[in-house]
Amino acid sequence: MSSSTHLAAADKTGRLSDSWVLLFARLAIAPLFLYSGIGKLMAFSATAGRLGGADGIGAVLAAGATAVELGCGVALVLGLFARQAAAVLFLFTIAATLMFHNFWAAPEAQVVTQTINFLKNLGLLGALALIAAYGPGSYAVRAGS
């Protein structure tokens, strides 16, 4: 076998393993957003109240957060518009992290929990950035999207 044949086989193997990694990343991250979106939907009034009131801006923010988490979560699972979904979730996660896991302003009893959630979200941002940059991989409804 020539060296060019070995390189081609190695390149194909690399793309195949990249696709499996991207599939795993999508399937590992999506349930977090789907679960959270379903929770917001099931307790919509409480979510809206936490975001500014059951009427007005709180309801708009709750509806938007629910739509982002459910819509982008499904997109990640399917690999449909995965780059765009990951980019939206990246920005959404930054906002949610700064608003709800601001350990530097948390009461002393919550500092450790909020720090862990903040750091967990940094890890999510890393995986979302990879999906946004590299796409869903080959195992997707719309590969490369």
N, C-alpha and C. Protein backbone atom coordinates (compact mmCIF):
# COMPACT_ATOMS: atom_id res chain seq x y z
N MET A 1 0.84 -1.17 0.00
CA MET A 1 0.00 0.00 0.00
C MET A 1 0.89 1.23 0.00
N SER A 2 0.61 2.18 -0.85
CA SER A 2 1.44 3.38 -0.95
C SER A 2 1.16 4.33 0.21
N SER A 3 2.07 5.27 0.41
CA SER A 3 1.90 6.23 1.51
C SER A 3 0.67 7.11 1.29
N SER A 4 0.35 7.43 0.03
CA SER A 4 -0.84 8.24 -0.23
C SER A 4 -2.12 7.47 0.11
N THR A 5 -2.11 6.15 -0.08
CA THR A 5 -3.26 5.33 0.27
C THR A 5 -3.42 5.29 1.78
N HIS A 6 -2.30 5.19 2.52
CA HIS A 6 -2.35 5.22 3.99
C HIS A 6 -2.89 6.56 4.48
N LEU A 7 -2.45 7.64 3.87
CA LEU A 7 -2.92 8.97 4.27
C LEU A 7 -4.41 9.13 4.00
N ALA A 8 -4.87 8.63 2.86
CA ALA A 8 -6.30 8.72 2.53
C ALA A 8 -7.12 7.91 3.52
N ALA A 9 -6.64 6.71 3.87
CA ALA A 9 -7.35 5.87 4.84
C ALA A 9 -7.35 6.53 6.21
N ALA A 10 -6.23 7.11 6.61
CA ALA A 10 -6.16 7.80 7.90
C ALA A 10 -7.09 9.00 7.93
N ASP A 11 -7.15 9.74 6.81
CA ASP A 11 -8.03 10.91 6.74
C ASP A 11 -9.48 10.48 6.85
N LYS A 12 -9.86 9.39 6.17
CA LYS A 12 -11.23 8.90 6.23
C LYS A 12 -11.56 8.42 7.64
N THR A 13 -10.64 7.73 8.28
CA THR A 13 -10.84 7.26 9.64
C THR A 13 -10.99 8.45 10.59
N GLY A 14 -10.20 9.48 10.38
CA GLY A 14 -10.29 10.69 11.21
C GLY A 14 -11.64 11.36 11.05
N ARG A 15 -12.14 11.47 9.83
CA ARG A 15 -13.46 12.08 9.60
C ARG A 15 -14.55 11.24 10.24
N LEU A 16 -14.42 9.91 10.16
CA LEU A 16 -15.40 9.02 10.75
C LEU A 16 -15.42 9.19 12.26
N SER A 17 -14.26 9.22 12.90
CA SER A 17 -14.22 9.38 14.36
C SER A 17 -14.69 10.77 14.75
N ASP A 18 -14.38 11.79 13.94
CA ASP A 18 -14.89 13.14 14.22
C ASP A 18 -16.41 13.15 14.20
N SER A 19 -16.99 12.44 13.25
CA SER A 19 -18.45 12.40 13.14
C SER A 19 -19.07 11.74 14.37
N TRP A 20 -18.46 10.67 14.84
CA TRP A 20 -18.97 10.02 16.06
C TRP A 20 -18.84 10.94 17.26
N VAL A 21 -17.74 11.67 17.36
CA VAL A 21 -17.54 12.61 18.48
C VAL A 21 -18.58 13.72 18.42
N LEU A 22 -18.82 14.26 17.23
CA LEU A 22 -19.82 15.32 17.09
C LEU A 22 -21.23 14.80 17.39
N LEU A 23 -21.53 13.58 16.97
CA LEU A 23 -22.82 12.98 17.31
C LEU A 23 -22.95 12.84 18.82
N PHE A 24 -21.91 12.32 19.46
CA PHE A 24 -21.95 12.18 20.91
C PHE A 24 -22.13 13.53 21.59
N ALA A 25 -21.41 14.54 21.14
CA ALA A 25 -21.52 15.89 21.74
C ALA A 25 -22.95 16.41 21.62
N ARG A 26 -23.53 16.27 20.43
CA ARG A 26 -24.90 16.75 20.22
C ARG A 26 -25.88 16.01 21.12
N LEU A 27 -25.75 14.68 21.17
CA LEU A 27 -26.69 13.88 21.96
C LEU A 27 -26.46 14.00 23.46
N ALA A 28 -25.27 14.37 23.87
CA ALA A 28 -24.99 14.55 25.29
C ALA A 28 -25.47 15.91 25.80
N ILE A 29 -25.42 16.92 24.96
CA ILE A 29 -25.79 18.27 25.38
C ILE A 29 -27.30 18.52 25.24
N ALA A 30 -27.90 18.03 24.20
CA ALA A 30 -29.30 18.33 23.91
C ALA A 30 -30.26 18.02 25.05
N PRO A 31 -30.14 16.88 25.75
CA PRO A 31 -31.12 16.59 26.81
C PRO A 31 -31.17 17.65 27.91
N LEU A 32 -30.06 18.29 28.19
CA LEU A 32 -30.06 19.34 29.20
C LEU A 32 -31.01 20.47 28.79
N PHE A 33 -30.93 20.89 27.54
CA PHE A 33 -31.78 21.97 27.06
C PHE A 33 -33.23 21.51 26.89
N LEU A 34 -33.43 20.28 26.42
CA LEU A 34 -34.79 19.75 26.27
C LEU A 34 -35.48 19.62 27.63
N TYR A 35 -34.78 19.09 28.60
CA TYR A 35 -35.33 18.94 29.95
C TYR A 35 -35.69 20.30 30.54
N SER A 36 -34.79 21.26 30.38
CA SER A 36 -35.03 22.59 30.92
C SER A 36 -36.20 23.27 30.19
N GLY A 37 -36.28 23.10 28.89
CA GLY A 37 -37.38 23.69 28.13
C GLY A 37 -38.72 23.09 28.50
N ILE A 38 -38.75 21.78 28.68
CA ILE A 38 -40.00 21.11 29.10
C ILE A 38 -40.38 21.59 30.50
N GLY A 39 -39.39 21.73 31.37
CA GLY A 39 -39.67 22.24 32.72
C GLY A 39 -40.27 23.64 32.69
N LYS A 40 -39.73 24.49 31.85
CA LYS A 40 -40.28 25.85 31.71
C LYS A 40 -41.71 25.81 31.18
N LEU A 41 -41.95 24.94 30.22
CA LEU A 41 -43.28 24.81 29.63
C LEU A 41 -44.29 24.31 30.67
N MET A 42 -43.88 23.34 31.46
CA MET A 42 -44.78 22.75 32.46
C MET A 42 -45.06 23.69 33.63
N ALA A 43 -44.15 24.61 33.89
CA ALA A 43 -44.32 25.57 34.99
C ALA A 43 -44.16 26.98 34.42
N PHE A 44 -44.92 27.26 33.36
CA PHE A 44 -44.73 28.50 32.62
C PHE A 44 -44.95 29.74 33.50
N SER A 45 -45.99 29.74 34.30
CA SER A 45 -46.28 30.91 35.13
C SER A 45 -45.16 31.17 36.13
N ALA A 46 -44.65 30.11 36.72
CA ALA A 46 -43.55 30.28 37.68
C ALA A 46 -42.29 30.79 36.97
N THR A 47 -42.03 30.26 35.78
CA THR A 47 -40.87 30.72 35.00
C THR A 47 -41.02 32.19 34.65
N ALA A 48 -42.21 32.56 34.16
CA ALA A 48 -42.46 33.96 33.78
C ALA A 48 -42.33 34.86 35.00
N GLY A 49 -42.83 34.41 36.14
CA GLY A 49 -42.71 35.19 37.36
C GLY A 49 -41.26 35.41 37.77
N ARG A 50 -40.46 34.41 37.60
CA ARG A 50 -39.03 34.52 37.94
C ARG A 50 -38.30 35.47 37.00
N LEU A 51 -38.82 35.59 35.78
CA LEU A 51 -38.17 36.42 34.77
C LEU A 51 -38.74 37.84 34.68
N GLY A 52 -39.67 38.17 35.54
CA GLY A 52 -40.16 39.55 35.54
C GLY A 52 -41.66 39.69 35.65
N GLY A 53 -42.36 38.61 35.85
CA GLY A 53 -43.81 38.70 36.01
C GLY A 53 -44.54 37.84 35.00
N ALA A 54 -45.66 37.24 35.47
CA ALA A 54 -46.44 36.34 34.61
C ALA A 54 -47.06 37.08 33.44
N ASP A 55 -47.24 38.39 33.59
CA ASP A 55 -47.75 39.21 32.49
C ASP A 55 -46.60 40.04 31.93
N GLY A 56 -46.68 40.39 30.70
CA GLY A 56 -45.69 41.30 30.12
C GLY A 56 -44.36 40.65 29.82
N ILE A 57 -43.29 41.34 30.20
CA ILE A 57 -41.93 40.95 29.80
C ILE A 57 -41.54 39.56 30.31
N GLY A 58 -41.98 39.19 31.50
CA GLY A 58 -41.65 37.87 32.03
C GLY A 58 -42.19 36.76 31.16
N ALA A 59 -43.42 36.93 30.68
CA ALA A 59 -44.04 35.92 29.81
C ALA A 59 -43.32 35.86 28.46
N VAL A 60 -42.93 37.00 27.94
CA VAL A 60 -42.19 37.04 26.66
C VAL A 60 -40.84 36.34 26.82
N LEU A 61 -40.13 36.66 27.89
CA LEU A 61 -38.82 36.03 28.13
C LEU A 61 -38.96 34.53 28.35
N ALA A 62 -39.98 34.12 29.10
CA ALA A 62 -40.20 32.69 29.35
C ALA A 62 -40.53 31.96 28.05
N ALA A 63 -41.36 32.57 27.22
CA ALA A 63 -41.71 31.95 25.93
C ALA A 63 -40.47 31.86 25.04
N GLY A 64 -39.66 32.90 25.02
CA GLY A 64 -38.44 32.89 24.22
C GLY A 64 -37.46 31.84 24.70
N ALA A 65 -37.25 31.76 26.01
CA ALA A 65 -36.32 30.78 26.57
C ALA A 65 -36.80 29.35 26.28
N THR A 66 -38.10 29.14 26.43
CA THR A 66 -38.67 27.82 26.16
C THR A 66 -38.48 27.44 24.69
N ALA A 67 -38.77 28.38 23.81
CA ALA A 67 -38.62 28.11 22.37
C ALA A 67 -37.17 27.84 21.99
N VAL A 68 -36.24 28.60 22.56
CA VAL A 68 -34.82 28.39 22.27
C VAL A 68 -34.37 27.02 22.75
N GLU A 69 -34.71 26.69 23.99
CA GLU A 69 -34.25 25.41 24.54
C GLU A 69 -34.86 24.21 23.81
N LEU A 70 -36.15 24.26 23.54
CA LEU A 70 -36.79 23.13 22.86
C LEU A 70 -36.41 23.08 21.39
N GLY A 71 -36.49 24.20 20.71
CA GLY A 71 -36.18 24.22 19.28
C GLY A 71 -34.74 23.87 18.99
N CYS A 72 -33.83 24.49 19.70
CA CYS A 72 -32.40 24.22 19.46
C CYS A 72 -32.00 22.85 19.98
N GLY A 73 -32.64 22.39 21.06
CA GLY A 73 -32.37 21.04 21.56
C GLY A 73 -32.74 19.98 20.54
N VAL A 74 -33.92 20.12 19.94
CA VAL A 74 -34.34 19.18 18.89
C VAL A 74 -33.41 19.28 17.68
N ALA A 75 -33.03 20.50 17.32
CA ALA A 75 -32.12 20.68 16.18
C ALA A 75 -30.79 19.97 16.42
N LEU A 76 -30.27 20.03 17.64
CA LEU A 76 -29.02 19.33 17.94
C LEU A 76 -29.19 17.82 17.84
N VAL A 77 -30.27 17.30 18.39
CA VAL A 77 -30.50 15.85 18.32
C VAL A 77 -30.54 15.39 16.87
N LEU A 78 -31.26 16.12 16.04
CA LEU A 78 -31.41 15.73 14.64
C LEU A 78 -30.20 16.08 13.78
N GLY A 79 -29.43 17.05 14.22
CA GLY A 79 -28.33 17.54 13.39
C GLY A 79 -28.84 18.43 12.28
N LEU A 80 -29.97 19.05 12.50
CA LEU A 80 -30.61 19.93 11.52
C LEU A 80 -30.34 21.37 11.94
N PHE A 81 -29.65 22.12 11.09
CA PHE A 81 -29.22 23.48 11.45
C PHE A 81 -28.44 23.48 12.76
N ALA A 82 -27.60 22.46 12.93
CA ALA A 82 -26.87 22.27 14.18
C ALA A 82 -25.91 23.42 14.48
N ARG A 83 -25.25 23.94 13.47
CA ARG A 83 -24.33 25.07 13.69
C ARG A 83 -25.08 26.27 14.25
N GLN A 84 -26.21 26.59 13.62
CA GLN A 84 -26.99 27.73 14.06
C GLN A 84 -27.58 27.49 15.45
N ALA A 85 -28.08 26.29 15.68
CA ALA A 85 -28.65 25.96 16.99
C ALA A 85 -27.59 26.06 18.08
N ALA A 86 -26.40 25.54 17.79
CA ALA A 86 -25.32 25.61 18.78
C ALA A 86 -24.91 27.06 19.04
N ALA A 87 -24.89 27.88 18.00
CA ALA A 87 -24.54 29.30 18.18
C ALA A 87 -25.58 30.02 19.04
N VAL A 88 -26.86 29.75 18.78
CA VAL A 88 -27.93 30.37 19.58
C VAL A 88 -27.83 29.89 21.03
N LEU A 89 -27.64 28.59 21.21
CA LEU A 89 -27.51 28.07 22.58
C LEU A 89 -26.26 28.59 23.27
N PHE A 90 -25.20 28.82 22.52
CA PHE A 90 -23.98 29.41 23.07
C PHE A 90 -24.31 30.77 23.68
N LEU A 91 -24.96 31.63 22.92
CA LEU A 91 -25.32 32.97 23.42
C LEU A 91 -26.33 32.88 24.56
N PHE A 92 -27.31 32.00 24.42
CA PHE A 92 -28.32 31.79 25.46
C PHE A 92 -27.66 31.34 26.77
N THR A 93 -26.71 30.42 26.67
CA THR A 93 -26.04 29.90 27.86
C THR A 93 -25.19 30.97 28.53
N ILE A 94 -24.55 31.82 27.76
CA ILE A 94 -23.80 32.93 28.35
C ILE A 94 -24.74 33.81 29.17
N ALA A 95 -25.87 34.20 28.58
CA ALA A 95 -26.83 35.06 29.27
C ALA A 95 -27.37 34.38 30.53
N ALA A 96 -27.78 33.12 30.40
CA ALA A 96 -28.33 32.40 31.56
C ALA A 96 -27.29 32.23 32.66
N THR A 97 -26.06 31.97 32.26
CA THR A 97 -24.99 31.79 33.25
C THR A 97 -24.74 33.06 34.03
N LEU A 98 -24.65 34.16 33.33
CA LEU A 98 -24.40 35.44 34.00
C LEU A 98 -25.58 35.88 34.86
N MET A 99 -26.80 35.57 34.43
CA MET A 99 -27.99 35.98 35.18
C MET A 99 -28.28 35.09 36.38
N PHE A 100 -28.09 33.79 36.23
CA PHE A 100 -28.56 32.86 37.26
C PHE A 100 -27.47 32.10 38.00
N HIS A 101 -26.25 32.16 37.55
CA HIS A 101 -25.17 31.45 38.23
C HIS A 101 -24.02 32.39 38.57
N ASN A 102 -24.37 33.61 38.94
CA ASN A 102 -23.37 34.63 39.29
C ASN A 102 -22.90 34.38 40.73
N PHE A 103 -22.01 33.42 40.87
CA PHE A 103 -21.52 32.98 42.18
C PHE A 103 -20.88 34.12 42.96
N TRP A 104 -20.34 35.11 42.28
CA TRP A 104 -19.68 36.23 42.94
C TRP A 104 -20.68 37.11 43.71
N ALA A 105 -21.98 36.99 43.40
CA ALA A 105 -22.99 37.79 44.10
C ALA A 105 -23.97 36.92 44.87
N ALA A 106 -23.72 35.61 44.92
CA ALA A 106 -24.64 34.69 45.58
C ALA A 106 -24.46 34.74 47.10
N PRO A 107 -25.55 34.44 47.83
CA PRO A 107 -25.41 34.30 49.29
C PRO A 107 -24.39 33.20 49.60
N GLU A 108 -23.73 33.33 50.73
CA GLU A 108 -22.63 32.42 51.09
C GLU A 108 -23.03 30.95 50.99
N ALA A 109 -24.26 30.63 51.37
CA ALA A 109 -24.72 29.23 51.34
C ALA A 109 -24.85 28.69 49.91
N GLN A 110 -24.91 29.56 48.90
CA GLN A 110 -25.09 29.13 47.52
C GLN A 110 -23.84 29.28 46.65
N VAL A 111 -22.76 29.80 47.22
CA VAL A 111 -21.57 30.08 46.42
C VAL A 111 -21.02 28.82 45.75
N VAL A 112 -20.89 27.74 46.49
CA VAL A 112 -20.32 26.51 45.93
C VAL A 112 -21.22 25.97 44.81
N THR A 113 -22.53 25.89 45.07
CA THR A 113 -23.46 25.39 44.06
C THR A 113 -23.44 26.25 42.81
N GLN A 114 -23.46 27.56 42.97
CA GLN A 114 -23.46 28.46 41.82
C GLN A 114 -22.12 28.43 41.08
N THR A 115 -21.03 28.23 41.81
CA THR A 115 -19.72 28.11 41.15
C THR A 115 -19.67 26.85 40.30
N ILE A 116 -20.18 25.75 40.83
CA ILE A 116 -20.21 24.50 40.07
C ILE A 116 -21.06 24.66 38.82
N ASN A 117 -22.24 25.27 38.95
CA ASN A 117 -23.10 25.49 37.78
C ASN A 117 -22.45 26.42 36.77
N PHE A 118 -21.76 27.45 37.24
CA PHE A 118 -21.05 28.37 36.35
C PHE A 118 -19.97 27.61 35.56
N LEU A 119 -19.18 26.82 36.25
CA LEU A 119 -18.10 26.07 35.60
C LEU A 119 -18.65 24.99 34.65
N LYS A 120 -19.74 24.35 35.04
CA LYS A 120 -20.40 23.37 34.16
C LYS A 120 -20.82 24.04 32.86
N ASN A 121 -21.37 25.23 32.99
CA ASN A 121 -21.81 25.95 31.80
C ASN A 121 -20.64 26.37 30.92
N LEU A 122 -19.48 26.63 31.52
CA LEU A 122 -18.29 26.90 30.69
C LEU A 122 -17.96 25.68 29.84
N GLY A 123 -18.08 24.50 30.41
CA GLY A 123 -17.85 23.28 29.64
C GLY A 123 -18.86 23.14 28.52
N LEU A 124 -20.12 23.44 28.80
CA LEU A 124 -21.15 23.41 27.75
C LEU A 124 -20.82 24.39 26.64
N LEU A 125 -20.34 25.56 27.01
CA LEU A 125 -19.96 26.56 25.99
C LEU A 125 -18.87 26.01 25.08
N GLY A 126 -17.91 25.28 25.65
CA GLY A 126 -16.85 24.69 24.84
C GLY A 126 -17.40 23.71 23.82
N ALA A 127 -18.29 22.83 24.26
CA ALA A 127 -18.87 21.85 23.33
C ALA A 127 -19.76 22.52 22.29
N LEU A 128 -20.54 23.50 22.72
CA LEU A 128 -21.40 24.23 21.77
C LEU A 128 -20.55 24.96 20.73
N ALA A 129 -19.43 25.53 21.16
CA ALA A 129 -18.54 26.22 20.22
C ALA A 129 -17.98 25.24 19.18
N LEU A 130 -17.63 24.03 19.60
CA LEU A 130 -17.14 23.03 18.65
C LEU A 130 -18.20 22.65 17.63
N ILE A 131 -19.44 22.46 18.09
CA ILE A 131 -20.52 22.10 17.17
C ILE A 131 -20.79 23.26 16.21
N ALA A 132 -20.78 24.49 16.75
CA ALA A 132 -21.00 25.66 15.90
C ALA A 132 -19.90 25.78 14.85
N ALA A 133 -18.67 25.45 15.22
CA ALA A 133 -17.54 25.58 14.30
C ALA A 133 -17.46 24.44 13.29
N TYR A 134 -17.71 23.20 13.73
CA TYR A 134 -17.49 22.03 12.88
C TYR A 134 -18.77 21.41 12.33
N GLY A 135 -19.92 21.84 12.80
CA GLY A 135 -21.18 21.29 12.32
C GLY A 135 -21.53 20.00 13.01
N PRO A 136 -22.57 19.32 12.52
CA PRO A 136 -23.07 18.14 13.19
C PRO A 136 -22.31 16.85 12.90
N GLY A 137 -21.45 16.86 11.91
CA GLY A 137 -20.78 15.62 11.49
C GLY A 137 -21.64 14.89 10.48
N SER A 138 -21.23 13.69 10.13
CA SER A 138 -21.90 12.93 9.09
C SER A 138 -23.21 12.32 9.53
N TYR A 139 -23.36 12.07 10.83
CA TYR A 139 -24.55 11.40 11.33
C TYR A 139 -25.58 12.45 11.74
N ALA A 140 -26.25 13.00 10.74
CA ALA A 140 -27.20 14.08 10.98
C ALA A 140 -28.22 14.09 9.86
N VAL A 141 -29.39 14.65 10.16
CA VAL A 141 -30.42 14.80 9.13
C VAL A 141 -29.88 15.64 7.99
N ARG A 142 -29.13 16.67 8.34
CA ARG A 142 -28.55 17.56 7.32
C ARG A 142 -27.08 17.72 7.65
N ALA A 143 -26.28 16.78 7.24
CA ALA A 143 -24.86 16.80 7.53
C ALA A 143 -24.24 18.09 7.00
N GLY A 144 -23.36 18.66 7.82
CA GLY A 144 -22.66 19.87 7.43
C GLY A 144 -23.41 21.14 7.73
N SER A 145 -24.67 21.03 8.17
CA SER A 145 -25.45 22.25 8.43
C SER A 145 -25.07 22.88 9.74
